[in-house]
N, C-alpha and C. Protein backbone atom coordinates (compact mmCIF):
# COMPACT_ATOMS: atom_id res chain seq x y z
N MET A 1 -42.42 -29.20 38.73
CA MET A 1 -41.21 -29.00 37.90
C MET A 1 -39.99 -28.84 38.81
N LYS A 2 -38.96 -29.62 38.53
CA LYS A 2 -37.74 -29.53 39.31
C LYS A 2 -37.02 -28.23 39.00
N LYS A 3 -36.23 -27.74 39.97
CA LYS A 3 -35.44 -26.54 39.76
C LYS A 3 -34.35 -26.82 38.73
N PHE A 4 -34.19 -25.91 37.78
CA PHE A 4 -33.19 -26.12 36.73
C PHE A 4 -31.78 -26.02 37.30
N SER A 5 -30.93 -26.96 36.90
CA SER A 5 -29.53 -26.97 37.32
C SER A 5 -28.66 -27.05 36.08
N ILE A 6 -27.85 -26.05 35.84
CA ILE A 6 -27.00 -26.03 34.66
C ILE A 6 -25.95 -27.14 34.74
N ASP A 7 -25.47 -27.44 35.93
CA ASP A 7 -24.48 -28.50 36.09
C ASP A 7 -25.07 -29.86 35.71
N LYS A 8 -26.30 -30.12 36.16
CA LYS A 8 -26.97 -31.39 35.82
C LYS A 8 -27.28 -31.45 34.33
N ALA A 9 -27.71 -30.33 33.78
CA ALA A 9 -28.06 -30.29 32.36
C ALA A 9 -26.85 -30.61 31.49
N LEU A 10 -25.73 -29.98 31.77
CA LEU A 10 -24.54 -30.19 30.94
C LEU A 10 -23.92 -31.57 31.18
N SER A 11 -24.05 -32.09 32.39
CA SER A 11 -23.57 -33.44 32.68
C SER A 11 -24.37 -34.45 31.84
N TYR A 12 -25.67 -34.22 31.73
CA TYR A 12 -26.53 -35.07 30.91
C TYR A 12 -26.15 -34.96 29.43
N LEU A 13 -25.92 -33.74 28.97
CA LEU A 13 -25.56 -33.55 27.56
C LEU A 13 -24.23 -34.23 27.23
N LYS A 14 -23.29 -34.21 28.15
CA LYS A 14 -22.00 -34.86 27.91
C LYS A 14 -22.19 -36.36 27.67
N LYS A 15 -23.14 -36.94 28.36
CA LYS A 15 -23.38 -38.38 28.22
C LYS A 15 -24.06 -38.70 26.89
N ILE A 16 -25.13 -37.98 26.59
CA ILE A 16 -25.92 -38.35 25.41
C ILE A 16 -25.27 -37.91 24.09
N THR A 17 -24.48 -36.84 24.12
CA THR A 17 -23.92 -36.34 22.87
C THR A 17 -22.71 -37.15 22.38
N LYS A 18 -22.22 -38.08 23.21
CA LYS A 18 -21.10 -38.92 22.79
C LYS A 18 -21.46 -39.75 21.56
N THR A 19 -22.73 -40.10 21.42
CA THR A 19 -23.16 -40.96 20.31
C THR A 19 -23.70 -40.16 19.13
N LEU A 20 -23.74 -38.83 19.24
CA LEU A 20 -24.32 -38.01 18.19
C LEU A 20 -23.25 -37.50 17.23
N LYS A 21 -23.67 -37.20 16.01
CA LYS A 21 -22.74 -36.77 14.97
C LYS A 21 -22.11 -35.43 15.32
N GLU A 22 -20.82 -35.30 15.01
CA GLU A 22 -20.09 -34.07 15.29
C GLU A 22 -20.52 -32.95 14.35
N PRO A 23 -20.70 -31.73 14.87
CA PRO A 23 -20.88 -30.57 13.98
C PRO A 23 -19.62 -30.39 13.15
N ILE A 24 -19.76 -29.90 11.93
CA ILE A 24 -18.62 -29.79 11.03
C ILE A 24 -17.51 -28.92 11.60
N VAL A 25 -17.86 -27.82 12.24
CA VAL A 25 -16.82 -26.94 12.78
C VAL A 25 -16.03 -27.65 13.88
N SER A 26 -16.68 -28.52 14.64
CA SER A 26 -15.99 -29.30 15.67
C SER A 26 -15.03 -30.30 15.04
N GLU A 27 -15.42 -30.84 13.89
CA GLU A 27 -14.52 -31.74 13.16
C GLU A 27 -13.26 -30.99 12.73
N VAL A 28 -13.47 -29.81 12.15
CA VAL A 28 -12.34 -29.01 11.68
C VAL A 28 -11.45 -28.60 12.85
N ALA A 29 -12.07 -28.32 13.99
CA ALA A 29 -11.33 -27.80 15.14
C ALA A 29 -10.37 -28.80 15.76
N LYS A 30 -10.51 -30.06 15.42
CA LYS A 30 -9.65 -31.08 16.03
C LYS A 30 -8.17 -30.86 15.72
N ASN A 31 -7.87 -30.27 14.56
CA ASN A 31 -6.45 -30.05 14.24
C ASN A 31 -5.92 -28.71 14.76
N LYS A 32 -6.81 -27.92 15.40
CA LYS A 32 -6.43 -26.65 16.04
C LYS A 32 -5.81 -25.65 15.07
N ASP A 33 -6.13 -25.74 13.80
CA ASP A 33 -5.65 -24.77 12.81
C ASP A 33 -6.61 -23.58 12.81
N ALA A 34 -6.15 -22.46 13.34
CA ALA A 34 -7.03 -21.30 13.53
C ALA A 34 -7.61 -20.80 12.21
N TYR A 35 -6.82 -20.79 11.16
CA TYR A 35 -7.31 -20.31 9.86
C TYR A 35 -8.42 -21.21 9.33
N GLN A 36 -8.23 -22.50 9.41
CA GLN A 36 -9.25 -23.43 8.92
C GLN A 36 -10.53 -23.34 9.76
N ILE A 37 -10.38 -23.18 11.07
CA ILE A 37 -11.55 -23.01 11.93
C ILE A 37 -12.29 -21.73 11.55
N LEU A 38 -11.54 -20.66 11.33
CA LEU A 38 -12.13 -19.38 10.96
C LEU A 38 -12.92 -19.49 9.65
N ILE A 39 -12.31 -20.05 8.62
CA ILE A 39 -12.96 -20.12 7.31
C ILE A 39 -14.16 -21.06 7.34
N SER A 40 -14.03 -22.21 7.97
CA SER A 40 -15.16 -23.15 8.02
C SER A 40 -16.33 -22.57 8.80
N THR A 41 -16.03 -21.79 9.84
CA THR A 41 -17.11 -21.15 10.61
C THR A 41 -17.82 -20.10 9.78
N ILE A 42 -17.09 -19.33 9.01
CA ILE A 42 -17.70 -18.33 8.13
C ILE A 42 -18.63 -19.02 7.12
N ILE A 43 -18.17 -20.12 6.54
CA ILE A 43 -19.01 -20.86 5.59
C ILE A 43 -20.27 -21.38 6.27
N SER A 44 -20.17 -21.75 7.54
CA SER A 44 -21.29 -22.38 8.25
C SER A 44 -22.42 -21.42 8.60
N LEU A 45 -22.15 -20.12 8.56
CA LEU A 45 -23.16 -19.15 8.98
C LEU A 45 -24.41 -19.25 8.10
N ARG A 46 -25.56 -19.41 8.74
CA ARG A 46 -26.85 -19.52 8.06
C ARG A 46 -26.84 -20.62 6.99
N THR A 47 -26.16 -21.70 7.30
CA THR A 47 -26.04 -22.81 6.38
C THR A 47 -26.16 -24.12 7.14
N LYS A 48 -26.88 -25.08 6.59
CA LYS A 48 -27.02 -26.38 7.24
C LYS A 48 -25.67 -27.08 7.30
N ASP A 49 -25.53 -27.92 8.31
CA ASP A 49 -24.25 -28.55 8.59
C ASP A 49 -23.75 -29.42 7.43
N GLU A 50 -24.63 -30.19 6.82
CA GLU A 50 -24.19 -31.06 5.73
C GLU A 50 -23.71 -30.25 4.53
N THR A 51 -24.40 -29.13 4.26
CA THR A 51 -23.97 -28.26 3.17
C THR A 51 -22.60 -27.66 3.49
N THR A 52 -22.42 -27.23 4.74
CA THR A 52 -21.14 -26.68 5.16
C THR A 52 -20.04 -27.72 5.03
N ARG A 53 -20.32 -28.94 5.46
CA ARG A 53 -19.32 -30.02 5.42
C ARG A 53 -18.81 -30.24 4.00
N LYS A 54 -19.72 -30.33 3.05
CA LYS A 54 -19.33 -30.57 1.66
C LYS A 54 -18.59 -29.37 1.07
N ALA A 55 -19.10 -28.17 1.38
CA ALA A 55 -18.47 -26.96 0.85
C ALA A 55 -17.05 -26.81 1.39
N TRP A 56 -16.88 -27.02 2.70
CA TRP A 56 -15.56 -26.87 3.31
C TRP A 56 -14.58 -27.90 2.75
N LYS A 57 -15.01 -29.13 2.56
CA LYS A 57 -14.12 -30.16 2.03
C LYS A 57 -13.66 -29.82 0.61
N ARG A 58 -14.56 -29.26 -0.20
CA ARG A 58 -14.18 -28.86 -1.55
C ARG A 58 -13.15 -27.74 -1.51
N LEU A 59 -13.39 -26.75 -0.64
CA LEU A 59 -12.49 -25.61 -0.55
C LEU A 59 -11.14 -26.01 0.02
N LYS A 60 -11.15 -26.85 1.05
CA LYS A 60 -9.91 -27.24 1.72
C LYS A 60 -8.96 -27.97 0.78
N LYS A 61 -9.51 -28.75 -0.14
CA LYS A 61 -8.65 -29.48 -1.08
C LYS A 61 -7.81 -28.52 -1.92
N VAL A 62 -8.35 -27.33 -2.15
CA VAL A 62 -7.69 -26.35 -3.02
C VAL A 62 -6.92 -25.31 -2.21
N ALA A 63 -7.50 -24.87 -1.10
CA ALA A 63 -6.90 -23.76 -0.35
C ALA A 63 -7.18 -23.91 1.14
N ASP A 64 -6.17 -24.28 1.91
CA ASP A 64 -6.33 -24.40 3.35
C ASP A 64 -5.42 -23.46 4.12
N THR A 65 -4.81 -22.50 3.40
CA THR A 65 -3.98 -21.46 4.03
C THR A 65 -4.30 -20.12 3.36
N PRO A 66 -3.98 -19.01 4.01
CA PRO A 66 -4.22 -17.70 3.37
C PRO A 66 -3.48 -17.56 2.04
N GLU A 67 -2.26 -18.09 1.98
CA GLU A 67 -1.47 -17.98 0.75
C GLU A 67 -2.16 -18.69 -0.41
N LYS A 68 -2.64 -19.89 -0.17
CA LYS A 68 -3.32 -20.65 -1.23
C LYS A 68 -4.65 -20.01 -1.60
N MET A 69 -5.34 -19.44 -0.59
CA MET A 69 -6.64 -18.83 -0.85
C MET A 69 -6.50 -17.66 -1.81
N LEU A 70 -5.45 -16.89 -1.67
CA LEU A 70 -5.28 -15.71 -2.51
C LEU A 70 -4.90 -16.05 -3.95
N LYS A 71 -4.63 -17.30 -4.21
CA LYS A 71 -4.38 -17.74 -5.58
C LYS A 71 -5.69 -18.00 -6.34
N LEU A 72 -6.80 -18.00 -5.60
CA LEU A 72 -8.12 -18.22 -6.19
C LEU A 72 -8.81 -16.90 -6.47
N THR A 73 -9.69 -16.89 -7.42
CA THR A 73 -10.54 -15.72 -7.66
C THR A 73 -11.78 -15.84 -6.79
N GLN A 74 -12.49 -14.73 -6.63
CA GLN A 74 -13.73 -14.77 -5.86
C GLN A 74 -14.71 -15.75 -6.49
N GLN A 75 -14.77 -15.78 -7.82
CA GLN A 75 -15.70 -16.65 -8.52
C GLN A 75 -15.35 -18.12 -8.28
N GLU A 76 -14.08 -18.42 -8.20
CA GLU A 76 -13.67 -19.81 -7.93
C GLU A 76 -14.08 -20.23 -6.52
N ILE A 77 -13.91 -19.34 -5.57
CA ILE A 77 -14.32 -19.65 -4.20
C ILE A 77 -15.84 -19.81 -4.14
N GLU A 78 -16.56 -18.95 -4.84
CA GLU A 78 -18.02 -19.06 -4.89
C GLU A 78 -18.45 -20.44 -5.37
N ARG A 79 -17.83 -20.91 -6.44
CA ARG A 79 -18.20 -22.20 -6.99
C ARG A 79 -17.89 -23.34 -6.01
N LEU A 80 -16.80 -23.20 -5.29
CA LEU A 80 -16.40 -24.25 -4.35
C LEU A 80 -17.32 -24.33 -3.13
N ILE A 81 -17.81 -23.19 -2.65
CA ILE A 81 -18.63 -23.21 -1.42
C ILE A 81 -20.13 -23.20 -1.69
N TYR A 82 -20.52 -23.00 -2.93
CA TYR A 82 -21.95 -23.06 -3.28
C TYR A 82 -22.49 -24.47 -2.96
N PRO A 83 -23.71 -24.60 -2.38
CA PRO A 83 -24.75 -23.59 -2.15
C PRO A 83 -24.83 -23.07 -0.72
N ALA A 84 -23.71 -22.85 -0.06
CA ALA A 84 -23.75 -22.24 1.27
C ALA A 84 -24.49 -20.91 1.21
N GLY A 85 -25.21 -20.59 2.26
CA GLY A 85 -25.96 -19.35 2.29
C GLY A 85 -25.06 -18.14 2.10
N PHE A 86 -25.53 -17.18 1.29
CA PHE A 86 -24.78 -15.94 1.04
C PHE A 86 -23.36 -16.24 0.55
N TYR A 87 -23.25 -17.23 -0.32
CA TYR A 87 -21.92 -17.69 -0.75
C TYR A 87 -21.11 -16.62 -1.44
N ARG A 88 -21.75 -15.69 -2.15
CA ARG A 88 -20.99 -14.62 -2.81
C ARG A 88 -20.34 -13.70 -1.78
N ASN A 89 -21.12 -13.29 -0.79
CA ASN A 89 -20.57 -12.43 0.26
C ASN A 89 -19.47 -13.15 1.04
N LYS A 90 -19.68 -14.42 1.31
CA LYS A 90 -18.69 -15.19 2.05
C LYS A 90 -17.39 -15.32 1.26
N ALA A 91 -17.51 -15.58 -0.05
CA ALA A 91 -16.31 -15.70 -0.88
C ALA A 91 -15.52 -14.40 -0.89
N ARG A 92 -16.23 -13.28 -1.00
CA ARG A 92 -15.57 -11.97 -1.00
C ARG A 92 -14.87 -11.72 0.34
N ASN A 93 -15.57 -12.03 1.43
CA ASN A 93 -14.97 -11.81 2.75
C ASN A 93 -13.78 -12.73 3.01
N ILE A 94 -13.87 -13.97 2.54
CA ILE A 94 -12.77 -14.92 2.73
C ILE A 94 -11.51 -14.42 2.03
N LEU A 95 -11.68 -13.88 0.84
CA LEU A 95 -10.53 -13.32 0.12
C LEU A 95 -9.95 -12.11 0.85
N LYS A 96 -10.83 -11.21 1.27
CA LYS A 96 -10.38 -9.98 1.94
C LYS A 96 -9.65 -10.29 3.24
N LEU A 97 -10.24 -11.16 4.07
CA LEU A 97 -9.61 -11.43 5.36
C LEU A 97 -8.30 -12.21 5.19
N SER A 98 -8.22 -13.04 4.15
CA SER A 98 -6.98 -13.76 3.89
C SER A 98 -5.86 -12.78 3.54
N GLN A 99 -6.22 -11.78 2.75
CA GLN A 99 -5.24 -10.75 2.38
C GLN A 99 -4.81 -9.94 3.60
N ILE A 100 -5.77 -9.58 4.44
CA ILE A 100 -5.46 -8.82 5.66
C ILE A 100 -4.56 -9.63 6.59
N LEU A 101 -4.86 -10.92 6.74
CA LEU A 101 -4.04 -11.76 7.61
C LEU A 101 -2.59 -11.79 7.15
N LEU A 102 -2.40 -11.87 5.84
CA LEU A 102 -1.04 -11.90 5.31
C LEU A 102 -0.34 -10.54 5.44
N GLU A 103 -1.07 -9.47 5.14
CA GLU A 103 -0.46 -8.14 5.14
C GLU A 103 -0.20 -7.60 6.54
N ARG A 104 -1.10 -7.88 7.47
CA ARG A 104 -0.99 -7.28 8.80
C ARG A 104 -0.52 -8.23 9.90
N PHE A 105 -0.73 -9.54 9.69
CA PHE A 105 -0.47 -10.48 10.78
C PHE A 105 0.42 -11.65 10.35
N ASN A 106 1.13 -11.49 9.23
CA ASN A 106 2.02 -12.56 8.76
C ASN A 106 1.29 -13.89 8.57
N GLY A 107 0.02 -13.80 8.21
CA GLY A 107 -0.75 -15.01 7.94
C GLY A 107 -1.27 -15.70 9.18
N ILE A 108 -1.07 -15.10 10.35
CA ILE A 108 -1.49 -15.72 11.61
C ILE A 108 -2.80 -15.10 12.09
N VAL A 109 -3.76 -15.94 12.45
CA VAL A 109 -5.05 -15.48 12.96
C VAL A 109 -4.85 -14.87 14.35
N PRO A 110 -5.32 -13.65 14.58
CA PRO A 110 -5.15 -13.00 15.88
C PRO A 110 -5.93 -13.71 16.98
N GLN A 111 -5.47 -13.51 18.22
CA GLN A 111 -6.05 -14.21 19.36
C GLN A 111 -6.87 -13.31 20.28
N ASP A 112 -7.34 -12.18 19.80
CA ASP A 112 -8.16 -11.32 20.65
C ASP A 112 -9.44 -10.93 19.93
N MET A 113 -10.48 -10.75 20.69
CA MET A 113 -11.82 -10.50 20.17
C MET A 113 -11.87 -9.25 19.28
N GLU A 114 -11.31 -8.15 19.75
CA GLU A 114 -11.39 -6.89 19.03
C GLU A 114 -10.79 -7.00 17.63
N THR A 115 -9.63 -7.62 17.53
CA THR A 115 -8.97 -7.74 16.23
C THR A 115 -9.72 -8.70 15.33
N LEU A 116 -10.20 -9.79 15.87
CA LEU A 116 -10.99 -10.74 15.08
C LEU A 116 -12.23 -10.07 14.50
N LEU A 117 -12.89 -9.25 15.30
CA LEU A 117 -14.11 -8.58 14.84
C LEU A 117 -13.83 -7.55 13.76
N SER A 118 -12.58 -7.14 13.62
CA SER A 118 -12.23 -6.17 12.58
C SER A 118 -12.07 -6.83 11.21
N LEU A 119 -12.04 -8.16 11.18
CA LEU A 119 -11.88 -8.88 9.92
C LEU A 119 -13.21 -8.97 9.18
N PRO A 120 -13.21 -8.89 7.86
CA PRO A 120 -14.45 -8.94 7.08
C PRO A 120 -15.21 -10.25 7.32
N GLY A 121 -16.51 -10.13 7.59
CA GLY A 121 -17.36 -11.30 7.74
C GLY A 121 -17.29 -11.99 9.08
N VAL A 122 -16.53 -11.41 10.03
CA VAL A 122 -16.38 -12.04 11.35
C VAL A 122 -17.24 -11.31 12.38
N GLY A 123 -18.22 -12.02 12.94
CA GLY A 123 -19.05 -11.49 14.00
C GLY A 123 -18.69 -12.14 15.33
N ARG A 124 -19.45 -11.87 16.35
CA ARG A 124 -19.12 -12.37 17.69
C ARG A 124 -19.17 -13.89 17.76
N LYS A 125 -20.14 -14.50 17.09
CA LYS A 125 -20.22 -15.96 17.11
C LYS A 125 -18.93 -16.57 16.57
N THR A 126 -18.51 -16.11 15.40
CA THR A 126 -17.31 -16.64 14.77
C THR A 126 -16.07 -16.37 15.62
N ALA A 127 -15.95 -15.14 16.11
CA ALA A 127 -14.78 -14.78 16.92
C ALA A 127 -14.69 -15.62 18.18
N ASN A 128 -15.80 -15.79 18.88
CA ASN A 128 -15.81 -16.58 20.10
C ASN A 128 -15.45 -18.03 19.83
N LEU A 129 -15.94 -18.57 18.72
CA LEU A 129 -15.64 -19.96 18.39
C LEU A 129 -14.16 -20.15 18.08
N VAL A 130 -13.57 -19.20 17.37
CA VAL A 130 -12.14 -19.27 17.06
C VAL A 130 -11.33 -19.19 18.35
N LEU A 131 -11.69 -18.27 19.23
CA LEU A 131 -10.96 -18.14 20.50
C LEU A 131 -11.00 -19.43 21.31
N THR A 132 -12.18 -20.04 21.34
CA THR A 132 -12.35 -21.27 22.12
C THR A 132 -11.65 -22.46 21.49
N GLU A 133 -11.97 -22.70 20.22
CA GLU A 133 -11.51 -23.93 19.56
C GLU A 133 -10.04 -23.87 19.14
N ALA A 134 -9.60 -22.72 18.68
CA ALA A 134 -8.22 -22.63 18.18
C ALA A 134 -7.21 -22.30 19.27
N PHE A 135 -7.63 -21.47 20.24
CA PHE A 135 -6.66 -20.96 21.21
C PHE A 135 -6.96 -21.36 22.65
N ASN A 136 -8.01 -22.14 22.86
CA ASN A 136 -8.35 -22.62 24.20
C ASN A 136 -8.57 -21.48 25.19
N ILE A 137 -9.16 -20.39 24.69
CA ILE A 137 -9.46 -19.21 25.51
C ILE A 137 -10.91 -19.29 25.96
N ASP A 138 -11.17 -18.94 27.20
CA ASP A 138 -12.54 -18.97 27.71
C ASP A 138 -13.39 -17.95 26.96
N ALA A 139 -14.40 -18.43 26.25
CA ALA A 139 -15.31 -17.57 25.51
C ALA A 139 -16.63 -18.32 25.35
N ILE A 140 -17.69 -17.58 25.08
CA ILE A 140 -19.01 -18.19 24.92
C ILE A 140 -19.51 -17.92 23.51
N CYS A 141 -19.56 -18.96 22.70
CA CYS A 141 -20.05 -18.84 21.33
C CYS A 141 -21.56 -19.09 21.34
N VAL A 142 -22.32 -18.11 20.90
CA VAL A 142 -23.78 -18.23 20.89
C VAL A 142 -24.29 -18.23 19.46
N ASP A 143 -24.83 -19.37 19.05
CA ASP A 143 -25.51 -19.46 17.75
C ASP A 143 -26.99 -19.65 18.01
N THR A 144 -27.75 -20.01 16.98
CA THR A 144 -29.20 -20.16 17.16
C THR A 144 -29.54 -21.28 18.13
N HIS A 145 -28.74 -22.37 18.14
CA HIS A 145 -29.01 -23.47 19.06
C HIS A 145 -28.81 -23.04 20.50
N VAL A 146 -27.70 -22.39 20.77
CA VAL A 146 -27.41 -21.94 22.13
C VAL A 146 -28.46 -20.93 22.60
N HIS A 147 -28.81 -20.00 21.74
CA HIS A 147 -29.83 -19.01 22.09
C HIS A 147 -31.17 -19.67 22.38
N ARG A 148 -31.58 -20.57 21.49
CA ARG A 148 -32.88 -21.22 21.63
C ARG A 148 -32.96 -22.08 22.89
N ILE A 149 -31.99 -22.94 23.07
CA ILE A 149 -32.05 -23.91 24.17
C ILE A 149 -31.88 -23.23 25.53
N SER A 150 -30.99 -22.25 25.62
CA SER A 150 -30.80 -21.53 26.89
C SER A 150 -32.10 -20.87 27.33
N ASN A 151 -32.86 -20.37 26.34
CA ASN A 151 -34.16 -19.76 26.66
C ASN A 151 -35.24 -20.80 26.92
N ARG A 152 -35.20 -21.90 26.20
CA ARG A 152 -36.18 -22.96 26.45
C ARG A 152 -36.04 -23.51 27.86
N TRP A 153 -34.81 -23.69 28.29
CA TRP A 153 -34.59 -24.17 29.65
C TRP A 153 -35.08 -23.16 30.69
N GLY A 154 -35.13 -21.89 30.30
CA GLY A 154 -35.44 -20.84 31.26
C GLY A 154 -34.21 -20.36 31.99
N TYR A 155 -33.04 -20.76 31.50
CA TYR A 155 -31.78 -20.36 32.14
C TYR A 155 -31.51 -18.87 31.91
N VAL A 156 -31.89 -18.37 30.73
CA VAL A 156 -31.85 -16.94 30.45
C VAL A 156 -33.17 -16.54 29.81
N LYS A 157 -33.42 -15.26 29.78
CA LYS A 157 -34.60 -14.74 29.10
C LYS A 157 -34.13 -13.59 28.22
N THR A 158 -33.85 -13.90 26.96
CA THR A 158 -33.25 -12.92 26.06
C THR A 158 -33.94 -12.94 24.70
N ARG A 159 -33.70 -11.88 23.92
CA ARG A 159 -34.39 -11.74 22.64
C ARG A 159 -33.54 -12.11 21.44
N ASN A 160 -32.24 -12.17 21.59
CA ASN A 160 -31.37 -12.45 20.46
C ASN A 160 -30.04 -13.02 20.96
N PRO A 161 -29.22 -13.58 20.05
CA PRO A 161 -27.97 -14.20 20.46
C PRO A 161 -26.99 -13.28 21.19
N ILE A 162 -26.95 -12.01 20.81
CA ILE A 162 -26.05 -11.07 21.50
C ILE A 162 -26.46 -10.93 22.96
N GLU A 163 -27.75 -10.74 23.21
CA GLU A 163 -28.24 -10.65 24.58
C GLU A 163 -27.97 -11.94 25.34
N THR A 164 -28.11 -13.06 24.64
CA THR A 164 -27.86 -14.36 25.29
C THR A 164 -26.40 -14.48 25.71
N GLU A 165 -25.49 -14.08 24.84
CA GLU A 165 -24.07 -14.14 25.19
C GLU A 165 -23.78 -13.31 26.43
N MET A 166 -24.31 -12.09 26.47
CA MET A 166 -24.04 -11.21 27.60
C MET A 166 -24.66 -11.75 28.89
N ALA A 167 -25.85 -12.33 28.78
CA ALA A 167 -26.50 -12.92 29.95
C ALA A 167 -25.72 -14.13 30.45
N LEU A 168 -25.24 -14.96 29.53
CA LEU A 168 -24.47 -16.14 29.91
C LEU A 168 -23.13 -15.75 30.54
N ARG A 169 -22.52 -14.68 30.04
CA ARG A 169 -21.26 -14.24 30.63
C ARG A 169 -21.42 -13.88 32.11
N LYS A 170 -22.61 -13.41 32.46
CA LYS A 170 -22.88 -13.04 33.85
C LYS A 170 -23.28 -14.25 34.70
N LYS A 171 -23.95 -15.22 34.07
CA LYS A 171 -24.58 -16.29 34.84
C LYS A 171 -23.89 -17.65 34.74
N LEU A 172 -23.39 -17.99 33.57
CA LEU A 172 -22.81 -19.32 33.36
C LEU A 172 -21.44 -19.43 34.01
N PRO A 173 -21.21 -20.43 34.86
CA PRO A 173 -19.88 -20.61 35.46
C PRO A 173 -18.82 -20.73 34.37
N ILE A 174 -17.71 -20.08 34.56
CA ILE A 174 -16.68 -20.02 33.52
C ILE A 174 -16.14 -21.40 33.16
N LYS A 175 -16.26 -22.35 34.06
CA LYS A 175 -15.79 -23.71 33.77
C LYS A 175 -16.57 -24.36 32.62
N HIS A 176 -17.75 -23.81 32.31
CA HIS A 176 -18.58 -24.37 31.25
C HIS A 176 -18.48 -23.60 29.92
N TRP A 177 -17.80 -22.48 29.93
CA TRP A 177 -17.83 -21.61 28.74
C TRP A 177 -17.37 -22.31 27.47
N LYS A 178 -16.24 -22.98 27.53
CA LYS A 178 -15.66 -23.57 26.33
C LYS A 178 -16.52 -24.69 25.74
N GLU A 179 -17.16 -25.45 26.60
CA GLU A 179 -17.92 -26.61 26.15
C GLU A 179 -19.38 -26.31 25.83
N TYR A 180 -19.84 -25.14 26.23
CA TYR A 180 -21.28 -24.84 26.16
C TYR A 180 -21.80 -24.90 24.72
N ASN A 181 -21.13 -24.25 23.80
CA ASN A 181 -21.59 -24.26 22.41
C ASN A 181 -21.55 -25.66 21.82
N TYR A 182 -20.45 -26.34 22.03
CA TYR A 182 -20.28 -27.70 21.48
C TYR A 182 -21.42 -28.62 21.92
N LEU A 183 -21.73 -28.62 23.21
CA LEU A 183 -22.76 -29.51 23.73
C LEU A 183 -24.15 -29.12 23.25
N LEU A 184 -24.45 -27.83 23.27
CA LEU A 184 -25.80 -27.39 22.90
C LEU A 184 -26.05 -27.49 21.40
N VAL A 185 -25.02 -27.33 20.59
CA VAL A 185 -25.19 -27.49 19.14
C VAL A 185 -25.56 -28.94 18.81
N LYS A 186 -24.83 -29.89 19.37
CA LYS A 186 -25.13 -31.30 19.11
C LYS A 186 -26.52 -31.66 19.63
N PHE A 187 -26.85 -31.15 20.80
CA PHE A 187 -28.16 -31.39 21.40
C PHE A 187 -29.26 -30.75 20.55
N GLY A 188 -29.01 -29.54 20.07
CA GLY A 188 -30.00 -28.83 19.27
C GLY A 188 -30.19 -29.40 17.89
N GLN A 189 -29.13 -29.93 17.30
CA GLN A 189 -29.24 -30.53 15.97
C GLN A 189 -29.97 -31.86 15.99
N ASN A 190 -29.89 -32.57 17.12
CA ASN A 190 -30.41 -33.93 17.16
C ASN A 190 -31.64 -34.14 18.04
N ILE A 191 -31.79 -33.36 19.09
CA ILE A 191 -32.89 -33.59 20.02
C ILE A 191 -33.74 -32.34 20.24
N CYS A 192 -33.14 -31.27 20.73
CA CYS A 192 -33.90 -30.04 21.01
C CYS A 192 -33.94 -29.16 19.77
N SER A 193 -34.53 -29.69 18.71
CA SER A 193 -34.56 -29.02 17.42
C SER A 193 -35.51 -27.83 17.42
N PRO A 194 -35.34 -26.92 16.45
CA PRO A 194 -36.19 -25.72 16.41
C PRO A 194 -37.68 -26.05 16.29
N ILE A 195 -37.99 -27.02 15.44
CA ILE A 195 -39.37 -27.44 15.23
C ILE A 195 -39.50 -28.90 15.66
N HIS A 196 -40.56 -29.20 16.39
CA HIS A 196 -40.83 -30.56 16.88
C HIS A 196 -39.65 -31.15 17.66
N PRO A 197 -39.23 -30.50 18.74
CA PRO A 197 -38.16 -31.08 19.57
C PRO A 197 -38.60 -32.41 20.16
N LYS A 198 -37.65 -33.31 20.34
CA LYS A 198 -37.95 -34.66 20.83
C LYS A 198 -37.97 -34.66 22.36
N CYS A 199 -38.95 -33.96 22.92
CA CYS A 199 -39.02 -33.80 24.38
C CYS A 199 -39.23 -35.13 25.11
N ASP A 200 -39.97 -36.05 24.50
CA ASP A 200 -40.28 -37.31 25.17
C ASP A 200 -39.03 -38.13 25.47
N MET A 201 -37.98 -37.96 24.68
CA MET A 201 -36.77 -38.74 24.90
C MET A 201 -35.71 -37.95 25.67
N CYS A 202 -36.06 -36.75 26.12
CA CYS A 202 -35.11 -35.89 26.82
C CYS A 202 -35.29 -36.00 28.33
N LEU A 203 -34.24 -36.35 29.02
CA LEU A 203 -34.31 -36.51 30.47
C LEU A 203 -34.28 -35.19 31.22
N LEU A 204 -34.16 -34.09 30.47
CA LEU A 204 -34.16 -32.77 31.13
C LEU A 204 -35.56 -32.17 31.19
N LYS A 205 -36.54 -32.85 30.63
CA LYS A 205 -37.87 -32.24 30.50
C LYS A 205 -38.51 -31.88 31.84
N ASN A 206 -38.17 -32.60 32.91
CA ASN A 206 -38.78 -32.31 34.20
C ASN A 206 -38.28 -31.02 34.85
N MET A 207 -37.21 -30.44 34.29
CA MET A 207 -36.75 -29.15 34.81
C MET A 207 -36.65 -28.12 33.68
N CYS A 208 -37.35 -28.39 32.58
CA CYS A 208 -37.32 -27.51 31.41
C CYS A 208 -38.57 -26.65 31.34
N LYS A 209 -38.39 -25.36 31.30
CA LYS A 209 -39.52 -24.42 31.25
C LYS A 209 -40.35 -24.61 29.99
N TYR A 210 -39.69 -24.85 28.85
CA TYR A 210 -40.40 -25.04 27.58
C TYR A 210 -41.33 -26.25 27.66
N TYR A 211 -40.84 -27.35 28.21
CA TYR A 211 -41.67 -28.56 28.32
C TYR A 211 -42.86 -28.32 29.24
N LYS A 212 -42.62 -27.62 30.32
CA LYS A 212 -43.70 -27.36 31.28
C LYS A 212 -44.80 -26.51 30.66
N THR A 213 -44.41 -25.49 29.88
CA THR A 213 -45.40 -24.54 29.35
C THR A 213 -46.06 -24.97 28.05
N THR A 214 -45.39 -25.85 27.27
CA THR A 214 -45.94 -26.18 25.96
C THR A 214 -46.24 -27.66 25.75
N LYS A 215 -45.61 -28.52 26.55
CA LYS A 215 -45.74 -29.96 26.29
C LYS A 215 -46.47 -30.72 27.40
N ALA A 216 -46.17 -30.37 28.63
CA ALA A 216 -46.69 -31.17 29.75
C ALA A 216 -48.21 -31.09 29.82
């Protein structure tokens, strides 16, 4: 087994992910609208990408700013984002945080982790993604794909996404922080999937701990 190299791994991912479908949050992030990135990320939590894509498009047509969102009732938001996971809780949080943004921040999404985490329904994954995608701030967004693949490679040895984020902050070169989630999500959705990963078509298998222990 070759020694694992994070630089080689990410260089490979940059090449192969060019042809793979964009995650919905990455699509939304192209316009750099922090509020839209925030809301679409909240909808995406524990929800498949295609479901998130359809739910976000329905909601965006009606409300793509805090002001417009507050014109909707919780029940209307629920209907628009259904069947996203935990859609009732998400609708309630979307309303609450929209109100807070208007009352405390003039409708502007804050640019620091502590304040973002104070908003209803915003955890570290969401906050880190907003910081990276909306404000171009160095941050590491860890979702299930990032947690799973980082451990499969043997790059970290952690039990949950929070531990993975902290381990990556210590080990991952800062030059890779912003791109890490984007690359691993596309890789995880299409190749290094949770069940039956396509190891035979992956050129990283010769330096992957998971392949060595379970496939080779």
